[in-house]
Amino acid sequence: MERLRRQDAEAGVVEQPLTAAQKDAIAEARNLWEAKLAELAILHRAALARTGDPAARAELEEHHRRDVQRVTDDRDRRIARIRTGGA
């Protein structure tokens, strides 16, 4: 961590502590996206239970993986905007 801080200092990156509002917004965003991920998991399990075909199951797995990645990326972008003050 110290090495990364030194690299940031050399690059001119200034670390600013998060405000209480930013912390609250980040917590709210994480809760929202946790709920979205839980919903995706429930829908995925239900779809798998209805499907017996291995090819269809593989396709469902791929769609689920992409959906989870998309939601996770959205969450990370939102948190990054909150951290930089662009909420």
N, C-alpha and C. Protein backbone atom coordinates (compact mmCIF):
# COMPACT_ATOMS: atom_id res chain seq x y z
N MET A 1 0.82 -1.19 0.00
CA MET A 1 0.00 0.00 0.00
C MET A 1 0.87 1.26 0.00
N GLU A 2 1.92 1.20 0.78
CA GLU A 2 2.80 2.37 0.87
C GLU A 2 3.43 2.66 -0.49
N ARG A 3 3.82 1.62 -1.20
CA ARG A 3 4.42 1.79 -2.51
C ARG A 3 3.42 2.44 -3.47
N LEU A 4 2.16 2.02 -3.39
CA LEU A 4 1.14 2.61 -4.25
C LEU A 4 0.89 4.07 -3.89
N ARG A 5 0.92 4.38 -2.61
CA ARG A 5 0.76 5.78 -2.19
C ARG A 5 1.90 6.64 -2.71
N ARG A 6 3.12 6.10 -2.66
CA ARG A 6 4.27 6.84 -3.18
C ARG A 6 4.11 7.07 -4.68
N GLN A 7 3.66 6.03 -5.40
CA GLN A 7 3.47 6.17 -6.84
C GLN A 7 2.41 7.24 -7.14
N ASP A 8 1.34 7.25 -6.36
CA ASP A 8 0.31 8.26 -6.54
C ASP A 8 0.86 9.66 -6.26
N ALA A 9 1.65 9.79 -5.20
CA ALA A 9 2.23 11.08 -4.85
C ALA A 9 3.15 11.57 -5.97
N GLU A 10 3.94 10.66 -6.53
CA GLU A 10 4.84 11.02 -7.61
C GLU A 10 4.06 11.42 -8.86
N ALA A 11 2.90 10.81 -9.06
CA ALA A 11 2.08 11.12 -10.24
C ALA A 11 1.22 12.36 -10.02
N GLY A 12 1.23 12.90 -8.80
CA GLY A 12 0.48 14.11 -8.52
C GLY A 12 -0.95 13.86 -8.09
N VAL A 13 -1.27 12.62 -7.76
CA VAL A 13 -2.62 12.28 -7.31
C VAL A 13 -2.74 12.64 -5.84
N VAL A 14 -3.76 13.44 -5.52
CA VAL A 14 -3.98 13.87 -4.14
C VAL A 14 -5.14 13.06 -3.57
N GLU A 15 -4.88 12.40 -2.45
CA GLU A 15 -5.91 11.60 -1.80
C GLU A 15 -6.74 12.47 -0.88
N GLN A 16 -8.06 12.45 -1.08
CA GLN A 16 -8.95 13.21 -0.24
C GLN A 16 -9.88 12.24 0.47
N PRO A 17 -10.09 12.43 1.76
CA PRO A 17 -10.99 11.53 2.47
C PRO A 17 -12.43 11.73 2.00
N LEU A 18 -13.21 10.65 2.07
CA LEU A 18 -14.61 10.73 1.65
C LEU A 18 -15.42 11.49 2.68
N THR A 19 -16.39 12.24 2.19
CA THR A 19 -17.30 12.95 3.08
C THR A 19 -18.35 11.96 3.58
N ALA A 20 -19.08 12.35 4.59
CA ALA A 20 -20.15 11.48 5.11
C ALA A 20 -21.21 11.24 4.04
N ALA A 21 -21.51 12.26 3.25
CA ALA A 21 -22.50 12.11 2.18
C ALA A 21 -22.02 11.11 1.13
N GLN A 22 -20.72 11.17 0.79
CA GLN A 22 -20.17 10.22 -0.18
C GLN A 22 -20.22 8.80 0.37
N LYS A 23 -19.89 8.64 1.65
CA LYS A 23 -19.94 7.32 2.27
C LYS A 23 -21.36 6.77 2.25
N ASP A 24 -22.33 7.62 2.55
CA ASP A 24 -23.73 7.19 2.53
C ASP A 24 -24.16 6.81 1.11
N ALA A 25 -23.76 7.61 0.14
CA ALA A 25 -24.13 7.34 -1.25
C ALA A 25 -23.50 6.04 -1.74
N ILE A 26 -22.26 5.78 -1.34
CA ILE A 26 -21.59 4.54 -1.73
C ILE A 26 -22.29 3.34 -1.09
N ALA A 27 -22.64 3.46 0.19
CA ALA A 27 -23.34 2.37 0.87
C ALA A 27 -24.69 2.10 0.21
N GLU A 28 -25.40 3.16 -0.15
CA GLU A 28 -26.70 3.00 -0.80
C GLU A 28 -26.53 2.34 -2.17
N ALA A 29 -25.52 2.75 -2.91
CA ALA A 29 -25.27 2.15 -4.22
C ALA A 29 -24.93 0.67 -4.08
N ARG A 30 -24.11 0.33 -3.12
CA ARG A 30 -23.75 -1.08 -2.91
C ARG A 30 -24.98 -1.90 -2.53
N ASN A 31 -25.84 -1.36 -1.69
CA ASN A 31 -27.06 -2.08 -1.31
C ASN A 31 -27.97 -2.29 -2.51
N LEU A 32 -28.11 -1.26 -3.34
CA LEU A 32 -28.94 -1.37 -4.53
C LEU A 32 -28.42 -2.45 -5.46
N TRP A 33 -27.12 -2.45 -5.71
CA TRP A 33 -26.56 -3.42 -6.63
C TRP A 33 -26.52 -4.82 -6.03
N GLU A 34 -26.41 -4.95 -4.73
CA GLU A 34 -26.52 -6.27 -4.10
C GLU A 34 -27.91 -6.83 -4.34
N ALA A 35 -28.92 -5.99 -4.24
CA ALA A 35 -30.30 -6.43 -4.50
C ALA A 35 -30.46 -6.84 -5.96
N LYS A 36 -29.86 -6.09 -6.87
CA LYS A 36 -29.94 -6.45 -8.29
C LYS A 36 -29.27 -7.79 -8.54
N LEU A 37 -28.11 -8.01 -7.92
CA LEU A 37 -27.40 -9.28 -8.10
C LEU A 37 -28.20 -10.43 -7.51
N ALA A 38 -28.84 -10.21 -6.38
CA ALA A 38 -29.67 -11.26 -5.77
C ALA A 38 -30.85 -11.59 -6.68
N GLU A 39 -31.46 -10.57 -7.26
CA GLU A 39 -32.57 -10.80 -8.18
C GLU A 39 -32.12 -11.61 -9.39
N LEU A 40 -30.96 -11.26 -9.94
CA LEU A 40 -30.42 -12.01 -11.07
C LEU A 40 -30.19 -13.47 -10.71
N ALA A 41 -29.65 -13.71 -9.52
CA ALA A 41 -29.37 -15.07 -9.08
C ALA A 41 -30.67 -15.88 -8.95
N ILE A 42 -31.69 -15.27 -8.38
CA ILE A 42 -32.98 -15.96 -8.22
C ILE A 42 -33.58 -16.30 -9.59
N LEU A 43 -33.58 -15.33 -10.48
CA LEU A 43 -34.13 -15.57 -11.82
C LEU A 43 -33.32 -16.62 -12.57
N HIS A 44 -32.02 -16.61 -12.38
CA HIS A 44 -31.15 -17.59 -13.04
C HIS A 44 -31.44 -19.00 -12.54
N ARG A 45 -31.54 -19.14 -11.22
CA ARG A 45 -31.84 -20.47 -10.66
C ARG A 45 -33.20 -20.98 -11.13
N ALA A 46 -34.18 -20.10 -11.22
CA ALA A 46 -35.51 -20.49 -11.69
C ALA A 46 -35.45 -20.93 -13.15
N ALA A 47 -34.69 -20.22 -13.97
CA ALA A 47 -34.57 -20.58 -15.38
C ALA A 47 -33.85 -21.92 -15.53
N LEU A 48 -32.82 -22.15 -14.72
CA LEU A 48 -32.10 -23.42 -14.78
C LEU A 48 -33.00 -24.58 -14.36
N ALA A 49 -33.85 -24.34 -13.38
CA ALA A 49 -34.75 -25.40 -12.91
C ALA A 49 -35.75 -25.80 -13.99
N ARG A 50 -36.10 -24.88 -14.87
CA ARG A 50 -37.06 -25.17 -15.94
C ARG A 50 -36.39 -25.80 -17.17
N THR A 51 -35.07 -25.82 -17.20
CA THR A 51 -34.35 -26.25 -18.40
C THR A 51 -33.57 -27.53 -18.12
N GLY A 52 -33.76 -28.51 -18.99
CA GLY A 52 -33.04 -29.76 -18.86
C GLY A 52 -31.98 -29.94 -19.94
N ASP A 53 -32.12 -29.21 -21.02
CA ASP A 53 -31.20 -29.33 -22.15
C ASP A 53 -29.84 -28.74 -21.79
N PRO A 54 -28.77 -29.53 -21.91
CA PRO A 54 -27.43 -29.02 -21.56
C PRO A 54 -27.00 -27.80 -22.37
N ALA A 55 -27.37 -27.75 -23.64
CA ALA A 55 -26.98 -26.61 -24.47
C ALA A 55 -27.71 -25.35 -24.00
N ALA A 56 -28.98 -25.50 -23.67
CA ALA A 56 -29.74 -24.36 -23.19
C ALA A 56 -29.23 -23.89 -21.83
N ARG A 57 -28.84 -24.85 -20.99
CA ARG A 57 -28.29 -24.50 -19.68
C ARG A 57 -26.98 -23.74 -19.84
N ALA A 58 -26.15 -24.17 -20.78
CA ALA A 58 -24.87 -23.48 -21.03
C ALA A 58 -25.13 -22.06 -21.50
N GLU A 59 -26.15 -21.90 -22.35
CA GLU A 59 -26.49 -20.56 -22.83
C GLU A 59 -27.01 -19.69 -21.68
N LEU A 60 -27.82 -20.28 -20.81
CA LEU A 60 -28.31 -19.54 -19.63
C LEU A 60 -27.15 -19.12 -18.73
N GLU A 61 -26.19 -20.01 -18.54
CA GLU A 61 -25.01 -19.70 -17.72
C GLU A 61 -24.24 -18.53 -18.31
N GLU A 62 -24.08 -18.53 -19.62
CA GLU A 62 -23.34 -17.46 -20.29
C GLU A 62 -24.09 -16.13 -20.15
N HIS A 63 -25.40 -16.15 -20.34
CA HIS A 63 -26.19 -14.93 -20.18
C HIS A 63 -26.10 -14.42 -18.74
N HIS A 64 -26.17 -15.32 -17.79
CA HIS A 64 -26.09 -14.92 -16.38
C HIS A 64 -24.73 -14.31 -16.07
N ARG A 65 -23.68 -14.92 -16.58
CA ARG A 65 -22.33 -14.40 -16.35
C ARG A 65 -22.20 -12.98 -16.91
N ARG A 66 -22.74 -12.76 -18.12
CA ARG A 66 -22.69 -11.43 -18.72
C ARG A 66 -23.52 -10.42 -17.94
N ASP A 67 -24.69 -10.84 -17.48
CA ASP A 67 -25.55 -9.95 -16.70
C ASP A 67 -24.88 -9.54 -15.39
N VAL A 68 -24.27 -10.52 -14.72
CA VAL A 68 -23.58 -10.23 -13.46
C VAL A 68 -22.41 -9.27 -13.70
N GLN A 69 -21.67 -9.49 -14.77
CA GLN A 69 -20.54 -8.62 -15.09
C GLN A 69 -21.02 -7.20 -15.40
N ARG A 70 -22.11 -7.09 -16.14
CA ARG A 70 -22.65 -5.77 -16.48
C ARG A 70 -23.10 -5.02 -15.23
N VAL A 71 -23.82 -5.71 -14.35
CA VAL A 71 -24.29 -5.07 -13.12
C VAL A 71 -23.11 -4.67 -12.24
N THR A 72 -22.12 -5.54 -12.15
CA THR A 72 -20.93 -5.24 -11.33
C THR A 72 -20.17 -4.05 -11.91
N ASP A 73 -20.04 -4.00 -13.22
CA ASP A 73 -19.36 -2.85 -13.85
C ASP A 73 -20.13 -1.56 -13.62
N ASP A 74 -21.47 -1.62 -13.73
CA ASP A 74 -22.29 -0.44 -13.46
C ASP A 74 -22.08 0.05 -12.03
N ARG A 75 -22.07 -0.89 -11.09
CA ARG A 75 -21.86 -0.53 -9.68
C ARG A 75 -20.51 0.14 -9.49
N ASP A 76 -19.48 -0.45 -10.06
CA ASP A 76 -18.13 0.11 -9.89
C ASP A 76 -18.02 1.51 -10.50
N ARG A 77 -18.65 1.72 -11.67
CA ARG A 77 -18.62 3.05 -12.28
C ARG A 77 -19.36 4.07 -11.42
N ARG A 78 -20.49 3.66 -10.86
CA ARG A 78 -21.27 4.56 -10.00
C ARG A 78 -20.46 4.94 -8.76
N ILE A 79 -19.82 3.97 -8.14
CA ILE A 79 -19.02 4.25 -6.95
C ILE A 79 -17.84 5.15 -7.30
N ALA A 80 -17.22 4.93 -8.45
CA ALA A 80 -16.11 5.79 -8.87
C ALA A 80 -16.58 7.23 -9.07
N ARG A 81 -17.79 7.41 -9.66
CA ARG A 81 -18.33 8.77 -9.82
C ARG A 81 -18.60 9.42 -8.47
N ILE A 82 -19.09 8.65 -7.54
CA ILE A 82 -19.36 9.20 -6.21
C ILE A 82 -18.04 9.61 -5.56
N ARG A 83 -17.03 8.79 -5.67
CA ARG A 83 -15.73 9.10 -5.06
C ARG A 83 -15.10 10.36 -5.63
N THR A 84 -15.32 10.61 -6.92
CA THR A 84 -14.71 11.80 -7.54
C THR A 84 -15.59 13.02 -7.42
N GLY A 85 -16.75 12.85 -6.80
CA GLY A 85 -17.62 14.00 -6.59
C GLY A 85 -18.58 14.26 -7.70
N GLY A 86 -18.66 13.37 -8.67
CA GLY A 86 -19.57 13.55 -9.80
C GLY A 86 -20.87 12.80 -9.62
N ALA A 87 -21.29 12.58 -8.38
CA ALA A 87 -22.50 11.79 -8.11
C ALA A 87 -23.67 12.41 -8.79
